[in-house]
Amino acid sequence: MKELNILPRTIVFEGLDGAGTTTQRNKLVAYLKEKNFPLFETCEPTSNMIGRLIRDILQKKYTTTPSALALLYSADREDHLYNKTYGLLTQIEEGKYVIQDRYFYSSFAYQGVNLAWEKIAEINHFPHPEYVIYIETPAQECMARIEKRGEAKELFEKAEFLKKVAINYEKIFSTLPKAVKFLKIDGSLTAEAIFEEILKFLAF
């Protein structure tokens, strides 16, 4: 299945830090579980070995170069997709719906602030998901939500940086293949209203 251009039954949530992607992913997972859909819920960075290292870097436990971080994301994604034991292709082959928080679009959006677009494209030759849901939330609102958490800010959680990330998201989503079903939704709506729009879009 490695030659697939589109990952069937795969739903990816994207957005700035604080946009509400994890909240909506969790809502969708709970909804589909109630309806007995076979599911695999996941996120990037993953909880696997390379993903854990990335999370430590994001939490500022270690430092590295922008290029090295981009390569780590790519390596984590390669393993996430193609690992024979737990990879996404294995889950899809088993007939499961994959519900995922972030994918290679985040690499273009975030790493694209400090790295050349061509460099990111070179290391992210991965298939697109069937569905992409982009929760578009202003950077200032995202930062206000992050502040409310009362936790230490991660590497990319700065308003000016997130504004550049938002521009990159628009750029990468303008290149989506026609086969990808795409929803952009206003992240300033209530969580309930956003979820209603998502269910209409998916039409499950």
C-alpha atoms as a PDB file:
ATOM      1  CA  MET A   1       0.000   0.000   0.000  1.00  0.00           C
ATOM      2  CA  LYS A   2       3.010   2.342   0.139  1.00  0.00           C
ATOM      3  CA  GLU A   3       2.264   3.641  -3.359  1.00  0.00           C
ATOM      4  CA  LEU A   4      -1.117   5.124  -2.307  1.00  0.00           C
ATOM      5  CA  ASN A   5      -1.636   8.807  -3.081  1.00  0.00           C
ATOM      6  CA  ILE A   6      -4.721   9.091  -0.846  1.00  0.00           C
ATOM      7  CA  LEU A   7      -5.140   7.367   2.513  1.00  0.00           C
ATOM      8  CA  PRO A   8      -8.744   6.109   2.640  1.00  0.00           C
ATOM      9  CA  ARG A   9     -10.823   6.591   5.800  1.00  0.00           C
ATOM     10  CA  THR A  10      -8.184   8.960   7.189  1.00  0.00           C
ATOM     11  CA  ILE A  11      -9.327  12.223   8.799  1.00  0.00           C
ATOM     12  CA  VAL A  12      -6.662  14.794   9.714  1.00  0.00           C
ATOM     13  CA  PHE A  13      -7.219  17.851  11.913  1.00  0.00           C
ATOM     14  CA  GLU A  14      -4.953  20.864  11.415  1.00  0.00           C
ATOM     15  CA  GLY A  15      -4.646  24.301  13.004  1.00  0.00           C
ATOM     16  CA  LEU A  16      -2.431  26.590  15.046  1.00  0.00           C
ATOM     17  CA  ASP A  17      -1.443  25.637  18.580  1.00  0.00           C
ATOM     18  CA  GLY A  18      -4.519  26.442  20.657  1.00  0.00           C
ATOM     19  CA  ALA A  19      -6.897  26.273  17.682  1.00  0.00           C
ATOM     20  CA  GLY A  20      -8.895  23.388  19.155  1.00  0.00           C
ATOM     21  CA  THR A  21      -7.786  20.501  16.941  1.00  0.00           C
ATOM     22  CA  THR A  22      -7.342  18.079  19.828  1.00  0.00           C
ATOM     23  CA  THR A  23     -10.747  18.971  21.289  1.00  0.00           C
ATOM     24  CA  GLN A  24     -12.469  18.289  17.968  1.00  0.00           C
ATOM     25  CA  ARG A  25     -10.516  15.116  17.327  1.00  0.00           C
ATOM     26  CA  ASN A  26     -11.574  13.814  20.749  1.00  0.00           C
ATOM     27  CA  LYS A  27     -15.196  14.751  20.082  1.00  0.00           C
ATOM     28  CA  LEU A  28     -15.161  12.899  16.778  1.00  0.00           C
ATOM     29  CA  VAL A  29     -13.514   9.841  18.313  1.00  0.00           C
ATOM     30  CA  ALA A  30     -16.171   9.688  21.051  1.00  0.00           C
ATOM     31  CA  TYR A  31     -18.974  10.126  18.504  1.00  0.00           C
ATOM     32  CA  LEU A  32     -17.704   7.409  16.181  1.00  0.00           C
ATOM     33  CA  LYS A  33     -17.037   5.005  19.057  1.00  0.00           C
ATOM     34  CA  GLU A  34     -20.678   5.351  20.082  1.00  0.00           C
ATOM     35  CA  LYS A  35     -21.597   4.322  16.547  1.00  0.00           C
ATOM     36  CA  ASN A  36     -19.178   1.366  16.702  1.00  0.00           C
ATOM     37  CA  PHE A  37     -16.869   2.578  13.939  1.00  0.00           C
ATOM     38  CA  PRO A  38     -13.524   0.705  13.959  1.00  0.00           C
ATOM     39  CA  LEU A  39     -11.044   3.435  14.903  1.00  0.00           C
ATOM     40  CA  PHE A  40      -7.391   4.248  15.324  1.00  0.00           C
ATOM     41  CA  GLU A  41      -6.805   7.616  16.991  1.00  0.00           C
ATOM     42  CA  THR A  42      -3.385   9.196  16.724  1.00  0.00           C
ATOM     43  CA  CYS A  43      -1.386  12.410  16.460  1.00  0.00           C
ATOM     44  CA  GLU A  44       1.912  13.859  15.318  1.00  0.00           C
ATOM     45  CA  PRO A  45       4.429  14.047  16.799  1.00  0.00           C
ATOM     46  CA  THR A  46       3.648  10.455  17.786  1.00  0.00           C
ATOM     47  CA  SER A  47       4.192   8.773  21.141  1.00  0.00           C
ATOM     48  CA  ASN A  48       6.790   6.504  19.550  1.00  0.00           C
ATOM     49  CA  MET A  49      10.556   6.849  20.026  1.00  0.00           C
ATOM     50  CA  ILE A  50      11.229   9.638  17.500  1.00  0.00           C
ATOM     51  CA  GLY A  51       8.009  11.441  18.383  1.00  0.00           C
ATOM     52  CA  ARG A  52       8.962  11.522  22.061  1.00  0.00           C
ATOM     53  CA  LEU A  53      12.274  13.153  21.182  1.00  0.00           C
ATOM     54  CA  ILE A  54      10.430  15.809  19.134  1.00  0.00           C
ATOM     55  CA  ARG A  55       8.120  16.522  22.077  1.00  0.00           C
ATOM     56  CA  ASP A  56      11.136  16.985  24.342  1.00  0.00           C
ATOM     57  CA  ILE A  57      12.538  19.516  21.859  1.00  0.00           C
ATOM     58  CA  LEU A  58       9.198  21.351  21.669  1.00  0.00           C
ATOM     59  CA  GLN A  59       9.162  21.498  25.471  1.00  0.00           C
ATOM     60  CA  LYS A  60      12.683  22.979  25.328  1.00  0.00           C
ATOM     61  CA  LYS A  61      14.383  20.079  27.093  1.00  0.00           C
ATOM     62  CA  TYR A  62      16.816  19.904  24.176  1.00  0.00           C
ATOM     63  CA  THR A  63      17.778  22.277  21.395  1.00  0.00           C
ATOM     64  CA  THR A  64      18.536  21.522  17.758  1.00  0.00           C
ATOM     65  CA  THR A  65      18.601  23.218  14.361  1.00  0.00           C
ATOM     66  CA  PRO A  66      15.457  23.898  12.291  1.00  0.00           C
ATOM     67  CA  SER A  67      16.716  21.453   9.636  1.00  0.00           C
ATOM     68  CA  ALA A  68      17.339  18.691  12.159  1.00  0.00           C
ATOM     69  CA  LEU A  69      13.879  19.189  13.670  1.00  0.00           C
ATOM     70  CA  ALA A  70      12.268  19.000  10.216  1.00  0.00           C
ATOM     71  CA  LEU A  71      14.139  15.751   9.534  1.00  0.00           C
ATOM     72  CA  LEU A  72      12.979  14.319  12.851  1.00  0.00           C
ATOM     73  CA  TYR A  73       9.357  15.124  11.980  1.00  0.00           C
ATOM     74  CA  SER A  74       9.810  13.402   8.621  1.00  0.00           C
ATOM     75  CA  ALA A  75      11.374  10.329  10.228  1.00  0.00           C
ATOM     76  CA  ASP A  76       8.584  10.130  12.821  1.00  0.00           C
ATOM     77  CA  ARG A  77       6.017  10.390  10.003  1.00  0.00           C
ATOM     78  CA  GLU A  78       7.716   7.672   7.930  1.00  0.00           C
ATOM     79  CA  ASP A  79       7.580   5.313  10.908  1.00  0.00           C
ATOM     80  CA  HIS A  80       4.033   6.410  11.743  1.00  0.00           C
ATOM     81  CA  LEU A  81       2.823   5.471   8.273  1.00  0.00           C
ATOM     82  CA  TYR A  82       4.845   2.428   7.325  1.00  0.00           C
ATOM     83  CA  ASN A  83       5.821   0.592  10.505  1.00  0.00           C
ATOM     84  CA  LYS A  84       4.518  -2.950   9.963  1.00  0.00           C
ATOM     85  CA  THR A  85       3.460  -3.366  13.604  1.00  0.00           C
ATOM     86  CA  TYR A  86       1.525  -0.183  14.370  1.00  0.00           C
ATOM     87  CA  GLY A  87       1.713   2.001  11.230  1.00  0.00           C
ATOM     88  CA  LEU A  88      -1.265   3.767   9.706  1.00  0.00           C
ATOM     89  CA  LEU A  89      -1.238   1.628   6.569  1.00  0.00           C
ATOM     90  CA  THR A  90      -1.617  -1.445   8.755  1.00  0.00           C
ATOM     91  CA  GLN A  91      -4.578   0.176  10.549  1.00  0.00           C
ATOM     92  CA  ILE A  92      -6.199   1.101   7.222  1.00  0.00           C
ATOM     93  CA  GLU A  93      -5.680  -2.411   5.844  1.00  0.00           C
ATOM     94  CA  GLU A  94      -7.574  -3.682   8.908  1.00  0.00           C
ATOM     95  CA  GLY A  95     -10.529  -1.499   7.880  1.00  0.00           C
ATOM     96  CA  LYS A  96     -10.152   1.138  10.597  1.00  0.00           C
ATOM     97  CA  TYR A  97     -10.876   4.857  10.350  1.00  0.00           C
ATOM     98  CA  VAL A  98      -7.783   6.873  11.262  1.00  0.00           C
ATOM     99  CA  ILE A  99      -8.541  10.037  13.258  1.00  0.00           C
ATOM    100  CA  GLN A 100      -5.376  12.117  13.434  1.00  0.00           C
ATOM    101  CA  ASP A 101      -4.253  15.388  15.002  1.00  0.00           C
ATOM    102  CA  ARG A 102      -1.688  16.947  12.593  1.00  0.00           C
ATOM    103  CA  TYR A 103       0.134  15.555   9.578  1.00  0.00           C
ATOM    104  CA  PHE A 104       2.728  16.764   7.048  1.00  0.00           C
ATOM    105  CA  TYR A 105       0.747  19.989   6.480  1.00  0.00           C
ATOM    106  CA  SER A 106       2.005  21.065   9.915  1.00  0.00           C
ATOM    107  CA  SER A 107       5.585  20.606   8.729  1.00  0.00           C
ATOM    108  CA  PHE A 108       5.010  23.015   5.845  1.00  0.00           C
ATOM    109  CA  ALA A 109       3.190  25.460   8.119  1.00  0.00           C
ATOM    110  CA  TYR A 110       5.614  25.428  11.058  1.00  0.00           C
ATOM    111  CA  GLN A 111       8.996  24.428   9.633  1.00  0.00           C
ATOM    112  CA  GLY A 112       8.214  26.595   6.613  1.00  0.00           C
ATOM    113  CA  VAL A 113       8.698  29.713   8.757  1.00  0.00           C
ATOM    114  CA  ASN A 114      12.445  29.063   9.042  1.00  0.00           C
ATOM    115  CA  LEU A 115      13.202  26.680   6.178  1.00  0.00           C
ATOM    116  CA  ALA A 116      12.869  26.789   2.411  1.00  0.00           C
ATOM    117  CA  TRP A 117       9.612  25.317   1.133  1.00  0.00           C
ATOM    118  CA  GLU A 118      11.545  23.098  -1.295  1.00  0.00           C
ATOM    119  CA  LYS A 119      13.554  21.534   1.538  1.00  0.00           C
ATOM    120  CA  ILE A 120      10.391  20.592   3.408  1.00  0.00           C
ATOM    121  CA  ALA A 121       8.787  19.205   0.252  1.00  0.00           C
ATOM    122  CA  GLU A 122      11.892  17.098  -0.424  1.00  0.00           C
ATOM    123  CA  ILE A 123      11.518  15.193   2.863  1.00  0.00           C
ATOM    124  CA  ASN A 124       7.719  14.969   2.964  1.00  0.00           C
ATOM    125  CA  HIS A 125       6.693  12.786   0.031  1.00  0.00           C
ATOM    126  CA  PHE A 126       3.748  11.239   1.855  1.00  0.00           C
ATOM    127  CA  PRO A 127       0.222  10.356   0.718  1.00  0.00           C
ATOM    128  CA  HIS A 128      -2.615  12.763   1.470  1.00  0.00           C
ATOM    129  CA  PRO A 129      -5.502  11.779   3.767  1.00  0.00           C
ATOM    130  CA  GLU A 130      -9.023  11.439   2.413  1.00  0.00           C
ATOM    131  CA  TYR A 131     -10.259  14.260   4.684  1.00  0.00           C
ATOM    132  CA  VAL A 132      -8.551  17.403   6.007  1.00  0.00           C
ATOM    133  CA  ILE A 133     -10.278  19.636   8.567  1.00  0.00           C
ATOM    134  CA  TYR A 134      -8.568  22.989   9.149  1.00  0.00           C
ATOM    135  CA  ILE A 135      -9.724  24.906  12.220  1.00  0.00           C
ATOM    136  CA  GLU A 136      -8.839  28.508  11.373  1.00  0.00           C
ATOM    137  CA  THR A 137      -8.357  30.448  14.598  1.00  0.00           C
ATOM    138  CA  PRO A 138      -6.626  33.869  14.874  1.00  0.00           C
ATOM    139  CA  ALA A 139      -3.149  33.733  16.405  1.00  0.00           C
ATOM    140  CA  GLN A 140      -4.061  36.137  19.231  1.00  0.00           C
ATOM    141  CA  GLU A 141      -7.028  33.997  20.242  1.00  0.00           C
ATOM    142  CA  CYS A 142      -4.843  30.892  20.167  1.00  0.00           C
ATOM    143  CA  MET A 143      -2.309  32.587  22.435  1.00  0.00           C
ATOM    144  CA  ALA A 144      -5.063  33.635  24.855  1.00  0.00           C
ATOM    145  CA  ARG A 145      -6.193  30.006  25.085  1.00  0.00           C
ATOM    146  CA  ILE A 146      -2.609  28.825  25.612  1.00  0.00           C
ATOM    147  CA  GLU A 147      -2.191  31.404  28.405  1.00  0.00           C
ATOM    148  CA  LYS A 148      -5.335  30.053  30.117  1.00  0.00           C
ATOM    149  CA  ARG A 149      -3.804  26.594  30.305  1.00  0.00           C
ATOM    150  CA  GLY A 150      -1.225  27.938  32.719  1.00  0.00           C
ATOM    151  CA  GLU A 151       1.451  25.631  31.311  1.00  0.00           C
ATOM    152  CA  ALA A 152       4.956  26.425  30.099  1.00  0.00           C
ATOM    153  CA  LYS A 153       4.852  27.565  26.478  1.00  0.00           C
ATOM    154  CA  GLU A 154       6.277  25.267  23.846  1.00  0.00           C
ATOM    155  CA  LEU A 155       8.839  26.226  21.229  1.00  0.00           C
ATOM    156  CA  PHE A 156       6.426  27.635  18.628  1.00  0.00           C
ATOM    157  CA  GLU A 157       3.856  29.204  20.942  1.00  0.00           C
ATOM    158  CA  LYS A 158       4.456  32.885  20.132  1.00  0.00           C
ATOM    159  CA  ALA A 159       1.865  35.149  18.480  1.00  0.00           C
ATOM    160  CA  GLU A 160       4.115  36.557  15.743  1.00  0.00           C
ATOM    161  CA  PHE A 161       5.373  33.100  14.841  1.00  0.00           C
ATOM    162  CA  LEU A 162       1.830  31.688  14.709  1.00  0.00           C
ATOM    163  CA  LYS A 163       0.743  34.468  12.327  1.00  0.00           C
ATOM    164  CA  LYS A 164       3.425  33.283   9.890  1.00  0.00           C
ATOM    165  CA  VAL A 165       2.288  29.688  10.403  1.00  0.00           C
ATOM    166  CA  ALA A 166      -1.267  30.679   9.443  1.00  0.00           C
ATOM    167  CA  ILE A 167       0.000  32.157   6.161  1.00  0.00           C
ATOM    168  CA  ASN A 168       1.856  28.923   5.419  1.00  0.00           C
ATOM    169  CA  TYR A 169      -1.270  26.880   6.104  1.00  0.00           C
ATOM    170  CA  GLU A 170      -3.128  28.855   3.447  1.00  0.00           C
ATOM    171  CA  LYS A 171      -0.278  28.230   1.037  1.00  0.00           C
ATOM    172  CA  ILE A 172      -0.101  24.459   1.524  1.00  0.00           C
ATOM    173  CA  PHE A 173      -3.875  24.005   1.473  1.00  0.00           C
ATOM    174  CA  SER A 174      -4.060  25.842  -1.846  1.00  0.00           C
ATOM    175  CA  THR A 175      -2.107  22.925  -3.337  1.00  0.00           C
ATOM    176  CA  LEU A 176      -4.351  20.072  -2.144  1.00  0.00           C
ATOM    177  CA  PRO A 177      -5.282  17.488  -4.785  1.00  0.00           C
ATOM    178  CA  LYS A 178      -8.937  17.475  -5.846  1.00  0.00           C
ATOM    179  CA  ALA A 179      -9.345  14.011  -4.348  1.00  0.00           C
ATOM    180  CA  VAL A 180      -8.856  15.421  -0.830  1.00  0.00           C
ATOM    181  CA  LYS A 181     -12.075  16.500   0.893  1.00  0.00           C
ATOM    182  CA  PHE A 182     -11.229  19.767   2.638  1.00  0.00           C
ATOM    183  CA  LEU A 183     -13.102  21.786   5.281  1.00  0.00           C
ATOM    184  CA  LYS A 184     -11.954  25.152   6.625  1.00  0.00           C
ATOM    185  CA  ILE A 185     -13.970  26.189   9.649  1.00  0.00           C
ATOM    186  CA  ASP A 186     -14.023  29.292  11.862  1.00  0.00           C
ATOM    187  CA  GLY A 187     -12.241  28.338  15.078  1.00  0.00           C
ATOM    188  CA  SER A 188     -13.797  31.232  17.006  1.00  0.00           C
ATOM    189  CA  LEU A 189     -17.168  29.416  16.989  1.00  0.00           C
ATOM    190  CA  THR A 190     -18.141  27.379  20.025  1.00  0.00           C
ATOM    191  CA  ALA A 191     -16.734  23.861  20.226  1.00  0.00           C
ATOM    192  CA  GLU A 192     -20.267  22.504  19.771  1.00  0.00           C
ATOM    193  CA  ALA A 193     -20.916  24.589  16.640  1.00  0.00           C
ATOM    194  CA  ILE A 194     -17.595  23.539  15.136  1.00  0.00           C
ATOM    195  CA  PHE A 195     -18.385  19.895  15.778  1.00  0.00           C
ATOM    196  CA  GLU A 196     -21.788  20.219  14.121  1.00  0.00           C
ATOM    197  CA  GLU A 197     -20.093  21.580  10.990  1.00  0.00           C
ATOM    198  CA  ILE A 198     -17.602  18.718  11.038  1.00  0.00           C
ATOM    199  CA  LEU A 199     -20.370  16.111  11.207  1.00  0.00           C
ATOM    200  CA  LYS A 200     -22.161  17.764   8.268  1.00  0.00           C
ATOM    201  CA  PHE A 201     -18.936  17.730   6.291  1.00  0.00           C
ATOM    202  CA  LEU A 202     -18.143  14.076   7.002  1.00  0.00           C
ATOM    203  CA  ALA A 203     -21.769  12.980   6.512  1.00  0.00           C
ATOM    204  CA  PHE A 204     -21.300   9.791   8.512  1.00  0.00           C
END
